[in-house]
Amino acid sequence: MAGETAQDVAAYVIAENPRGQILYARGSHIAFDMVGRLRAAGLKIDERVVYDQVAAPLSRDATQLLKSQATVVLPLFSARSSHLFFAACPDEARLKVIAISDTVAETIPKHHRADMMVLPKPDAARMAQAVLFSASGGNRLEQDKTAQ
């Protein structure tokens, strides 16, 4: 494990100062310029896009649920996913938003931040705990303790 964020990984690679060429295999959408950061540190790096996250519209069932006034627990793992979701989300949706990081939290529309939690560390296990706790009706103070 080289870190919890792309910035942590870049710092780790720079500290290791590998010799030779580095290949950065990545998705088509990135939030951090790893190549630029490593090149600025004097490392030789090439990149290849090896997968794509194709945006898909909300299904009719999902849209109906969001309009139904039922409370929906919404885990968000990336700023891009957040932007895509909220572009399609009905205004009247009742959400318990769980953001994996402060960066993702900043993308949440203000009217959905009242019942929002931001994980103290960005990892899938904490997200799973927070989703289960939120789905069981835990209150905000308890959610913050559970996610730690």
C-alpha atoms as a PDB file:
ATOM      1  CA  MET A   1       0.000   0.000   0.000  1.00  0.00           C
ATOM      2  CA  ALA A   2       1.591   3.229  -1.139  1.00  0.00           C
ATOM      3  CA  GLY A   3      -1.008   5.578   0.338  1.00  0.00           C
ATOM      4  CA  GLU A   4      -4.652   6.485   0.530  1.00  0.00           C
ATOM      5  CA  THR A   5      -4.686   9.106  -2.216  1.00  0.00           C
ATOM      6  CA  ALA A   6      -3.080   9.569  -5.607  1.00  0.00           C
ATOM      7  CA  GLN A   7      -0.948  12.319  -4.075  1.00  0.00           C
ATOM      8  CA  ASP A   8       0.300   9.814  -1.469  1.00  0.00           C
ATOM      9  CA  VAL A   9       1.174   7.322  -4.203  1.00  0.00           C
ATOM     10  CA  ALA A  10       3.067  10.003  -6.145  1.00  0.00           C
ATOM     11  CA  ALA A  11       5.049  10.961  -3.032  1.00  0.00           C
ATOM     12  CA  TYR A  12       5.859   7.290  -2.406  1.00  0.00           C
ATOM     13  CA  VAL A  13       7.063   6.691  -5.978  1.00  0.00           C
ATOM     14  CA  ILE A  14       9.152   9.871  -5.916  1.00  0.00           C
ATOM     15  CA  ALA A  15      10.726   8.838  -2.587  1.00  0.00           C
ATOM     16  CA  GLU A  16      11.536   5.384  -4.012  1.00  0.00           C
ATOM     17  CA  ASN A  17      13.184   7.092  -7.027  1.00  0.00           C
ATOM     18  CA  PRO A  18      12.879   4.101  -9.365  1.00  0.00           C
ATOM     19  CA  ARG A  19      15.360   3.758 -12.214  1.00  0.00           C
ATOM     20  CA  GLY A  20      14.180   3.212 -15.751  1.00  0.00           C
ATOM     21  CA  GLN A  21      10.793   3.741 -17.336  1.00  0.00           C
ATOM     22  CA  ILE A  22       7.533   3.639 -15.344  1.00  0.00           C
ATOM     23  CA  LEU A  23       4.253   2.626 -16.964  1.00  0.00           C
ATOM     24  CA  TYR A  24       1.142   4.197 -15.453  1.00  0.00           C
ATOM     25  CA  ALA A  25      -1.869   2.061 -16.419  1.00  0.00           C
ATOM     26  CA  ARG A  26      -4.964   4.110 -15.690  1.00  0.00           C
ATOM     27  CA  GLY A  27      -8.594   4.781 -16.451  1.00  0.00           C
ATOM     28  CA  SER A  28      -9.742   7.315 -19.000  1.00  0.00           C
ATOM     29  CA  HIS A  29     -10.896   9.716 -16.274  1.00  0.00           C
ATOM     30  CA  ILE A  30      -8.429  10.978 -13.694  1.00  0.00           C
ATOM     31  CA  ALA A  31      -8.669  13.442 -10.825  1.00  0.00           C
ATOM     32  CA  PHE A  32      -4.915  13.874 -10.319  1.00  0.00           C
ATOM     33  CA  ASP A  33      -2.144  14.344 -12.887  1.00  0.00           C
ATOM     34  CA  MET A  34       0.154  11.527 -11.770  1.00  0.00           C
ATOM     35  CA  VAL A  35       2.236  11.696 -14.948  1.00  0.00           C
ATOM     36  CA  GLY A  36       2.781  15.438 -14.614  1.00  0.00           C
ATOM     37  CA  ARG A  37       3.745  15.124 -10.956  1.00  0.00           C
ATOM     38  CA  LEU A  38       6.218  12.296 -11.537  1.00  0.00           C
ATOM     39  CA  ARG A  39       7.746  13.945 -14.598  1.00  0.00           C
ATOM     40  CA  ALA A  40       8.176  17.174 -12.612  1.00  0.00           C
ATOM     41  CA  ALA A  41      10.156  15.097 -10.105  1.00  0.00           C
ATOM     42  CA  GLY A  42      12.455  13.921 -12.901  1.00  0.00           C
ATOM     43  CA  LEU A  43      11.083  10.413 -13.338  1.00  0.00           C
ATOM     44  CA  LYS A  44      10.581   8.740 -16.705  1.00  0.00           C
ATOM     45  CA  ILE A  45       6.943   7.771 -17.047  1.00  0.00           C
ATOM     46  CA  ASP A  46       4.607   6.752 -19.805  1.00  0.00           C
ATOM     47  CA  GLU A  47       0.874   6.198 -19.489  1.00  0.00           C
ATOM     48  CA  ARG A  48      -1.719   3.949 -21.066  1.00  0.00           C
ATOM     49  CA  VAL A  49      -5.478   4.136 -20.679  1.00  0.00           C
ATOM     50  CA  VAL A  50      -6.544   0.568 -19.918  1.00  0.00           C
ATOM     51  CA  TYR A  51     -10.179   1.004 -18.870  1.00  0.00           C
ATOM     52  CA  ASP A  52     -13.087   3.406 -19.106  1.00  0.00           C
ATOM     53  CA  GLN A  53     -15.917   4.202 -16.736  1.00  0.00           C
ATOM     54  CA  VAL A  54     -18.784   4.853 -19.089  1.00  0.00           C
ATOM     55  CA  ALA A  55     -21.442   7.177 -17.711  1.00  0.00           C
ATOM     56  CA  ALA A  56     -24.940   5.702 -17.740  1.00  0.00           C
ATOM     57  CA  PRO A  57     -28.269   7.419 -17.110  1.00  0.00           C
ATOM     58  CA  LEU A  58     -30.271   6.618 -14.001  1.00  0.00           C
ATOM     59  CA  SER A  59     -32.756   3.839 -14.628  1.00  0.00           C
ATOM     60  CA  ARG A  60     -36.464   4.550 -14.552  1.00  0.00           C
ATOM     61  CA  ASP A  61     -36.724   2.580 -11.288  1.00  0.00           C
ATOM     62  CA  ALA A  62     -33.911   4.583  -9.697  1.00  0.00           C
ATOM     63  CA  THR A  63     -35.497   7.868 -10.756  1.00  0.00           C
ATOM     64  CA  GLN A  64     -38.881   6.785  -9.367  1.00  0.00           C
ATOM     65  CA  LEU A  65     -37.283   5.788  -6.063  1.00  0.00           C
ATOM     66  CA  LEU A  66     -35.492   9.118  -5.797  1.00  0.00           C
ATOM     67  CA  LYS A  67     -38.778  10.944  -6.445  1.00  0.00           C
ATOM     68  CA  SER A  68     -40.727   8.803  -3.951  1.00  0.00           C
ATOM     69  CA  GLN A  69     -39.574  10.643  -0.799  1.00  0.00           C
ATOM     70  CA  ALA A  70     -37.925   7.452   0.482  1.00  0.00           C
ATOM     71  CA  THR A  71     -34.564   8.127   2.089  1.00  0.00           C
ATOM     72  CA  VAL A  72     -31.739   6.763  -0.063  1.00  0.00           C
ATOM     73  CA  VAL A  73     -28.225   6.085   1.242  1.00  0.00           C
ATOM     74  CA  LEU A  74     -25.796   7.331  -1.399  1.00  0.00           C
ATOM     75  CA  PRO A  75     -22.128   6.305  -1.166  1.00  0.00           C
ATOM     76  CA  LEU A  76     -19.942   8.433  -3.421  1.00  0.00           C
ATOM     77  CA  PHE A  77     -16.423   7.290  -4.279  1.00  0.00           C
ATOM     78  CA  SER A  78     -15.380  10.009  -6.736  1.00  0.00           C
ATOM     79  CA  ALA A  79     -16.007  13.615  -7.689  1.00  0.00           C
ATOM     80  CA  ARG A  80     -16.853  12.494 -11.214  1.00  0.00           C
ATOM     81  CA  SER A  81     -19.491  10.043  -9.985  1.00  0.00           C
ATOM     82  CA  SER A  82     -20.926  12.762  -7.771  1.00  0.00           C
ATOM     83  CA  HIS A  83     -21.188  15.229 -10.652  1.00  0.00           C
ATOM     84  CA  LEU A  84     -22.833  12.621 -12.875  1.00  0.00           C
ATOM     85  CA  PHE A  85     -25.291  11.531 -10.204  1.00  0.00           C
ATOM     86  CA  PHE A  86     -26.400  15.011  -9.175  1.00  0.00           C
ATOM     87  CA  ALA A  87     -26.808  16.101 -12.791  1.00  0.00           C
ATOM     88  CA  ALA A  88     -29.490  13.394 -13.081  1.00  0.00           C
ATOM     89  CA  CYS A  89     -30.862  13.395  -9.521  1.00  0.00           C
ATOM     90  CA  PRO A  90     -34.367  14.776  -8.992  1.00  0.00           C
ATOM     91  CA  ASP A  91     -34.352  17.876  -6.765  1.00  0.00           C
ATOM     92  CA  GLU A  92     -36.813  16.313  -4.329  1.00  0.00           C
ATOM     93  CA  ALA A  93     -34.626  13.286  -3.560  1.00  0.00           C
ATOM     94  CA  ARG A  94     -34.061  12.581   0.146  1.00  0.00           C
ATOM     95  CA  LEU A  95     -30.472  11.450   0.509  1.00  0.00           C
ATOM     96  CA  LYS A  96     -28.053  10.347   3.196  1.00  0.00           C
ATOM     97  CA  VAL A  97     -24.823  11.097   1.367  1.00  0.00           C
ATOM     98  CA  ILE A  98     -21.566   9.414   2.352  1.00  0.00           C
ATOM     99  CA  ALA A  99     -18.536  10.981   0.670  1.00  0.00           C
ATOM    100  CA  ILE A 100     -15.280   9.046   0.635  1.00  0.00           C
ATOM    101  CA  SER A 101     -13.220  12.253   0.932  1.00  0.00           C
ATOM    102  CA  ASP A 102     -13.364  16.016   1.369  1.00  0.00           C
ATOM    103  CA  THR A 103     -12.718  16.377  -2.363  1.00  0.00           C
ATOM    104  CA  VAL A 104     -15.876  14.403  -3.132  1.00  0.00           C
ATOM    105  CA  ALA A 105     -17.844  16.240  -0.412  1.00  0.00           C
ATOM    106  CA  GLU A 106     -17.100  19.562  -2.095  1.00  0.00           C
ATOM    107  CA  THR A 107     -19.066  18.381  -5.153  1.00  0.00           C
ATOM    108  CA  ILE A 108     -22.278  17.711  -3.207  1.00  0.00           C
ATOM    109  CA  PRO A 109     -24.983  20.327  -3.834  1.00  0.00           C
ATOM    110  CA  LYS A 110     -25.567  22.433  -0.707  1.00  0.00           C
ATOM    111  CA  HIS A 111     -29.155  21.282  -0.235  1.00  0.00           C
ATOM    112  CA  HIS A 112     -27.929  17.671   0.131  1.00  0.00           C
ATOM    113  CA  ARG A 113     -25.178  18.406   2.669  1.00  0.00           C
ATOM    114  CA  ALA A 114     -27.377  18.521   5.795  1.00  0.00           C
ATOM    115  CA  ASP A 115     -27.370  14.728   6.145  1.00  0.00           C
ATOM    116  CA  MET A 116     -23.901  14.136   4.700  1.00  0.00           C
ATOM    117  CA  MET A 117     -20.992  12.285   6.216  1.00  0.00           C
ATOM    118  CA  VAL A 118     -17.377  12.438   5.058  1.00  0.00           C
ATOM    119  CA  LEU A 119     -15.189   9.467   5.878  1.00  0.00           C
ATOM    120  CA  PRO A 120     -12.142  10.280   8.030  1.00  0.00           C
ATOM    121  CA  LYS A 121      -9.992   8.053   5.758  1.00  0.00           C
ATOM    122  CA  PRO A 122     -10.833   7.063   2.189  1.00  0.00           C
ATOM    123  CA  ASP A 123     -11.232   3.300   2.103  1.00  0.00           C
ATOM    124  CA  ALA A 124     -13.846   0.796   0.979  1.00  0.00           C
ATOM    125  CA  ALA A 125     -14.148  -0.958   4.354  1.00  0.00           C
ATOM    126  CA  ARG A 126     -15.049   2.293   6.113  1.00  0.00           C
ATOM    127  CA  MET A 127     -17.487   3.102   3.324  1.00  0.00           C
ATOM    128  CA  ALA A 128     -19.181  -0.281   3.735  1.00  0.00           C
ATOM    129  CA  GLN A 129     -19.491   0.278   7.508  1.00  0.00           C
ATOM    130  CA  ALA A 130     -20.933   3.743   6.997  1.00  0.00           C
ATOM    131  CA  VAL A 131     -23.456   2.539   4.394  1.00  0.00           C
ATOM    132  CA  LEU A 132     -24.668  -0.300   6.626  1.00  0.00           C
ATOM    133  CA  PHE A 133     -24.944   1.982   9.620  1.00  0.00           C
ATOM    134  CA  SER A 134     -26.768   4.698   7.669  1.00  0.00           C
ATOM    135  CA  ALA A 135     -29.142   2.166   6.148  1.00  0.00           C
ATOM    136  CA  SER A 136     -29.991   0.876   9.623  1.00  0.00           C
ATOM    137  CA  GLY A 137     -31.082   4.366  10.664  1.00  0.00           C
ATOM    138  CA  GLY A 138     -28.070   5.433  12.704  1.00  0.00           C
ATOM    139  CA  ASN A 139     -27.921   9.104  13.569  1.00  0.00           C
ATOM    140  CA  ARG A 140     -25.268  11.522  12.396  1.00  0.00           C
ATOM    141  CA  LEU A 141     -23.094  11.480  15.533  1.00  0.00           C
ATOM    142  CA  GLU A 142     -23.085   7.698  15.604  1.00  0.00           C
ATOM    143  CA  GLN A 143     -22.260   7.566  11.895  1.00  0.00           C
ATOM    144  CA  ASP A 144     -19.152   9.654  12.411  1.00  0.00           C
ATOM    145  CA  LYS A 145     -17.973   7.298  15.171  1.00  0.00           C
ATOM    146  CA  THR A 146     -18.741   4.195  13.114  1.00  0.00           C
ATOM    147  CA  ALA A 147     -16.743   5.376  10.112  1.00  0.00           C
ATOM    148  CA  GLN A 148     -13.558   5.920  12.117  1.00  0.00           C
END
